[in-house]
Amino acid sequence: MTLDIDERQNYDKMFETFNTEGWSLIQARFAEMFNQGNNIFTIPDEKTFWQQRGSLGMLQVFIELEDVVKSELEHLENQVEEDFDND
């Protein structure tokens, strides 16, 4: 398996975004929103619970996005190294 040039460029572009001040501000806002909404005592009914759970799930995806992309790239690079070593 190889990591082609287009894939690598896409990862580089994502990391460029992660290293901007704007991304840091967005991440802080997502964390703030998550913390504000992560209180089961304010949920009045089951419908609101499920809506809140979905919202928190999406916020969690964005909060963890940078770590997920880093792990994904590491995994791909390790796979490439293993394939190279096995050849």
N, C-alpha and C. Protein backbone atom coordinates (compact mmCIF):
# COMPACT_ATOMS: atom_id res chain seq x y z
N MET A 1 0.85 -1.18 0.00
CA MET A 1 0.00 0.00 0.00
C MET A 1 0.88 1.24 0.00
N THR A 2 0.48 2.24 -0.73
CA THR A 2 1.21 3.50 -0.75
C THR A 2 0.27 4.65 -0.48
N LEU A 3 0.84 5.69 0.05
CA LEU A 3 0.10 6.92 0.29
C LEU A 3 0.41 7.83 -0.90
N ASP A 4 -0.57 8.01 -1.77
CA ASP A 4 -0.27 8.77 -2.99
C ASP A 4 -0.16 10.27 -2.71
N ILE A 5 0.35 10.99 -3.68
CA ILE A 5 0.64 12.41 -3.53
C ILE A 5 -0.61 13.21 -3.19
N ASP A 6 -1.73 12.91 -3.84
CA ASP A 6 -2.97 13.64 -3.56
C ASP A 6 -3.44 13.43 -2.13
N GLU A 7 -3.36 12.18 -1.66
CA GLU A 7 -3.75 11.89 -0.28
C GLU A 7 -2.87 12.66 0.70
N ARG A 8 -1.56 12.62 0.45
CA ARG A 8 -0.63 13.30 1.34
C ARG A 8 -0.88 14.81 1.34
N GLN A 9 -1.16 15.38 0.17
CA GLN A 9 -1.45 16.81 0.08
C GLN A 9 -2.73 17.16 0.85
N ASN A 10 -3.72 16.27 0.78
CA ASN A 10 -4.95 16.51 1.54
C ASN A 10 -4.68 16.52 3.04
N TYR A 11 -3.86 15.58 3.52
CA TYR A 11 -3.51 15.56 4.95
C TYR A 11 -2.73 16.83 5.31
N ASP A 12 -1.80 17.22 4.46
CA ASP A 12 -1.03 18.44 4.72
C ASP A 12 -1.94 19.66 4.83
N LYS A 13 -2.93 19.75 3.96
CA LYS A 13 -3.88 20.86 4.00
C LYS A 13 -4.69 20.85 5.30
N MET A 14 -5.09 19.65 5.74
CA MET A 14 -5.83 19.57 7.00
C MET A 14 -4.95 20.02 8.16
N PHE A 15 -3.69 19.58 8.17
CA PHE A 15 -2.79 19.99 9.25
C PHE A 15 -2.50 21.49 9.21
N GLU A 16 -2.44 22.07 8.02
CA GLU A 16 -2.29 23.52 7.91
C GLU A 16 -3.48 24.21 8.59
N THR A 17 -4.67 23.69 8.35
CA THR A 17 -5.88 24.25 8.98
C THR A 17 -5.82 24.10 10.50
N PHE A 18 -5.41 22.91 10.96
CA PHE A 18 -5.34 22.66 12.41
C PHE A 18 -4.36 23.60 13.10
N ASN A 19 -3.36 24.09 12.38
CA ASN A 19 -2.34 24.95 12.97
C ASN A 19 -2.67 26.44 12.93
N THR A 20 -3.88 26.78 12.52
CA THR A 20 -4.26 28.19 12.46
C THR A 20 -4.91 28.65 13.76
N GLU A 21 -4.86 29.94 13.97
CA GLU A 21 -5.51 30.52 15.14
C GLU A 21 -7.03 30.32 15.06
N GLY A 22 -7.56 30.41 13.84
CA GLY A 22 -9.00 30.22 13.65
C GLY A 22 -9.46 28.85 14.11
N TRP A 23 -8.68 27.81 13.78
CA TRP A 23 -9.05 26.46 14.20
C TRP A 23 -9.04 26.35 15.73
N SER A 24 -8.05 26.98 16.36
CA SER A 24 -7.99 26.96 17.82
C SER A 24 -9.22 27.62 18.42
N LEU A 25 -9.64 28.73 17.82
CA LEU A 25 -10.83 29.42 18.31
C LEU A 25 -12.09 28.56 18.13
N ILE A 26 -12.18 27.91 16.98
CA ILE A 26 -13.32 27.03 16.71
C ILE A 26 -13.33 25.87 17.70
N GLN A 27 -12.18 25.26 17.93
CA GLN A 27 -12.10 24.15 18.88
C GLN A 27 -12.52 24.58 20.28
N ALA A 28 -12.07 25.76 20.69
CA ALA A 28 -12.45 26.27 22.02
C ALA A 28 -13.96 26.47 22.09
N ARG A 29 -14.53 26.98 21.02
CA ARG A 29 -15.99 27.19 20.99
C ARG A 29 -16.74 25.87 21.04
N PHE A 30 -16.27 24.88 20.29
CA PHE A 30 -16.90 23.55 20.33
C PHE A 30 -16.84 22.97 21.74
N ALA A 31 -15.69 23.09 22.40
CA ALA A 31 -15.55 22.58 23.76
C ALA A 31 -16.49 23.31 24.72
N GLU A 32 -16.60 24.62 24.54
CA GLU A 32 -17.51 25.40 25.37
C GLU A 32 -18.96 24.95 25.17
N MET A 33 -19.35 24.79 23.91
CA MET A 33 -20.71 24.34 23.60
C MET A 33 -20.97 22.95 24.17
N PHE A 34 -19.97 22.07 24.06
CA PHE A 34 -20.11 20.71 24.59
C PHE A 34 -20.33 20.77 26.10
N ASN A 35 -19.51 21.54 26.79
CA ASN A 35 -19.62 21.63 28.25
C ASN A 35 -20.95 22.24 28.69
N GLN A 36 -21.43 23.22 27.94
CA GLN A 36 -22.72 23.83 28.27
C GLN A 36 -23.88 22.85 28.08
N GLY A 37 -23.79 22.03 27.05
CA GLY A 37 -24.88 21.11 26.75
C GLY A 37 -24.80 19.77 27.44
N ASN A 38 -23.69 19.52 28.13
CA ASN A 38 -23.46 18.21 28.75
C ASN A 38 -23.95 18.20 30.20
N ASN A 39 -25.23 18.47 30.38
CA ASN A 39 -25.82 18.50 31.71
C ASN A 39 -27.19 17.84 31.64
N ILE A 40 -27.27 16.61 32.09
CA ILE A 40 -28.54 15.87 31.97
C ILE A 40 -29.65 16.44 32.86
N PHE A 41 -29.28 17.22 33.84
CA PHE A 41 -30.29 17.75 34.75
C PHE A 41 -31.13 18.85 34.12
N THR A 42 -30.70 19.39 33.00
CA THR A 42 -31.46 20.45 32.34
C THR A 42 -32.36 19.92 31.23
N ILE A 43 -32.36 18.61 31.01
CA ILE A 43 -33.13 18.01 29.92
C ILE A 43 -34.54 17.70 30.42
N PRO A 44 -35.55 18.35 29.83
CA PRO A 44 -36.91 18.23 30.35
C PRO A 44 -37.65 16.95 29.92
N ASP A 45 -37.28 16.36 28.77
CA ASP A 45 -38.05 15.20 28.30
C ASP A 45 -37.17 14.32 27.40
N GLU A 46 -37.72 13.18 27.03
CA GLU A 46 -36.96 12.19 26.26
C GLU A 46 -36.57 12.71 24.87
N LYS A 47 -37.48 13.41 24.22
CA LYS A 47 -37.19 13.94 22.89
C LYS A 47 -35.99 14.90 22.94
N THR A 48 -35.99 15.77 23.92
CA THR A 48 -34.89 16.71 24.08
C THR A 48 -33.60 15.97 24.42
N PHE A 49 -33.71 14.91 25.21
CA PHE A 49 -32.54 14.09 25.53
C PHE A 49 -31.86 13.58 24.26
N TRP A 50 -32.65 12.98 23.36
CA TRP A 50 -32.08 12.41 22.14
C TRP A 50 -31.53 13.50 21.22
N GLN A 51 -32.19 14.65 21.18
CA GLN A 51 -31.66 15.76 20.39
C GLN A 51 -30.33 16.24 20.97
N GLN A 52 -30.29 16.36 22.27
CA GLN A 52 -29.08 16.80 22.96
C GLN A 52 -27.95 15.79 22.76
N ARG A 53 -28.28 14.52 22.83
CA ARG A 53 -27.27 13.47 22.64
C ARG A 53 -26.68 13.56 21.23
N GLY A 54 -27.52 13.77 20.23
CA GLY A 54 -27.03 13.92 18.86
C GLY A 54 -26.14 15.14 18.70
N SER A 55 -26.54 16.24 19.29
CA SER A 55 -25.74 17.46 19.23
C SER A 55 -24.38 17.27 19.90
N LEU A 56 -24.39 16.66 21.06
CA LEU A 56 -23.13 16.42 21.77
C LEU A 56 -22.23 15.46 20.99
N GLY A 57 -22.84 14.48 20.35
CA GLY A 57 -22.07 13.54 19.53
C GLY A 57 -21.36 14.25 18.39
N MET A 58 -22.06 15.15 17.72
CA MET A 58 -21.46 15.90 16.61
C MET A 58 -20.35 16.83 17.13
N LEU A 59 -20.58 17.48 18.24
CA LEU A 59 -19.55 18.34 18.81
C LEU A 59 -18.31 17.52 19.16
N GLN A 60 -18.52 16.33 19.71
CA GLN A 60 -17.40 15.46 20.07
C GLN A 60 -16.58 15.08 18.84
N VAL A 61 -17.25 14.83 17.72
CA VAL A 61 -16.56 14.51 16.47
C VAL A 61 -15.63 15.66 16.09
N PHE A 62 -16.13 16.88 16.14
CA PHE A 62 -15.31 18.03 15.77
C PHE A 62 -14.20 18.29 16.77
N ILE A 63 -14.47 18.09 18.05
CA ILE A 63 -13.46 18.29 19.08
C ILE A 63 -12.30 17.32 18.89
N GLU A 64 -12.60 16.09 18.50
CA GLU A 64 -11.58 15.06 18.35
C GLU A 64 -11.01 14.96 16.93
N LEU A 65 -11.49 15.77 16.01
CA LEU A 65 -11.12 15.64 14.60
C LEU A 65 -9.61 15.67 14.37
N GLU A 66 -8.91 16.60 14.98
CA GLU A 66 -7.46 16.70 14.77
C GLU A 66 -6.76 15.42 15.21
N ASP A 67 -7.11 14.90 16.38
CA ASP A 67 -6.49 13.66 16.86
C ASP A 67 -6.82 12.48 15.96
N VAL A 68 -8.05 12.44 15.47
CA VAL A 68 -8.46 11.35 14.59
C VAL A 68 -7.67 11.39 13.29
N VAL A 69 -7.51 12.57 12.72
CA VAL A 69 -6.76 12.71 11.46
C VAL A 69 -5.30 12.33 11.68
N LYS A 70 -4.71 12.77 12.79
CA LYS A 70 -3.32 12.41 13.10
C LYS A 70 -3.17 10.89 13.22
N SER A 71 -4.08 10.25 13.94
CA SER A 71 -4.02 8.80 14.12
C SER A 71 -4.20 8.07 12.79
N GLU A 72 -5.11 8.57 11.98
CA GLU A 72 -5.37 7.97 10.67
C GLU A 72 -4.11 8.03 9.80
N LEU A 73 -3.45 9.18 9.77
CA LEU A 73 -2.24 9.32 8.97
C LEU A 73 -1.12 8.43 9.51
N GLU A 74 -0.96 8.38 10.82
CA GLU A 74 0.06 7.50 11.42
C GLU A 74 -0.19 6.05 11.02
N HIS A 75 -1.44 5.64 11.08
CA HIS A 75 -1.80 4.27 10.70
C HIS A 75 -1.44 4.00 9.24
N LEU A 76 -1.79 4.93 8.37
CA LEU A 76 -1.47 4.76 6.95
C LEU A 76 0.04 4.71 6.71
N GLU A 77 0.78 5.59 7.38
CA GLU A 77 2.24 5.60 7.23
C GLU A 77 2.86 4.32 7.75
N ASN A 78 2.35 3.81 8.86
CA ASN A 78 2.86 2.54 9.40
C ASN A 78 2.56 1.39 8.45
N GLN A 79 1.38 1.42 7.85
CA GLN A 79 1.03 0.39 6.87
C GLN A 79 1.97 0.43 5.68
N VAL A 80 2.28 1.62 5.22
CA VAL A 80 3.20 1.77 4.09
C VAL A 80 4.58 1.23 4.47
N GLU A 81 5.05 1.56 5.68
CA GLU A 81 6.35 1.06 6.14
C GLU A 81 6.36 -0.46 6.23
N GLU A 82 5.29 -1.04 6.80
CA GLU A 82 5.20 -2.49 6.91
C GLU A 82 5.20 -3.16 5.54
N ASP A 83 4.44 -2.59 4.62
CA ASP A 83 4.41 -3.14 3.26
C ASP A 83 5.78 -3.05 2.62
N PHE A 84 6.49 -1.93 2.86
CA PHE A 84 7.83 -1.75 2.30
C PHE A 84 8.80 -2.77 2.91
N ASP A 85 8.69 -2.97 4.23
CA ASP A 85 9.58 -3.93 4.91
C ASP A 85 9.32 -5.36 4.47
N ASN A 86 8.08 -5.66 4.12
CA ASN A 86 7.73 -7.02 3.71
C ASN A 86 8.10 -7.32 2.26
N ASP A 87 8.43 -6.30 1.51
CA ASP A 87 8.80 -6.51 0.10
C ASP A 87 10.24 -6.90 -0.06
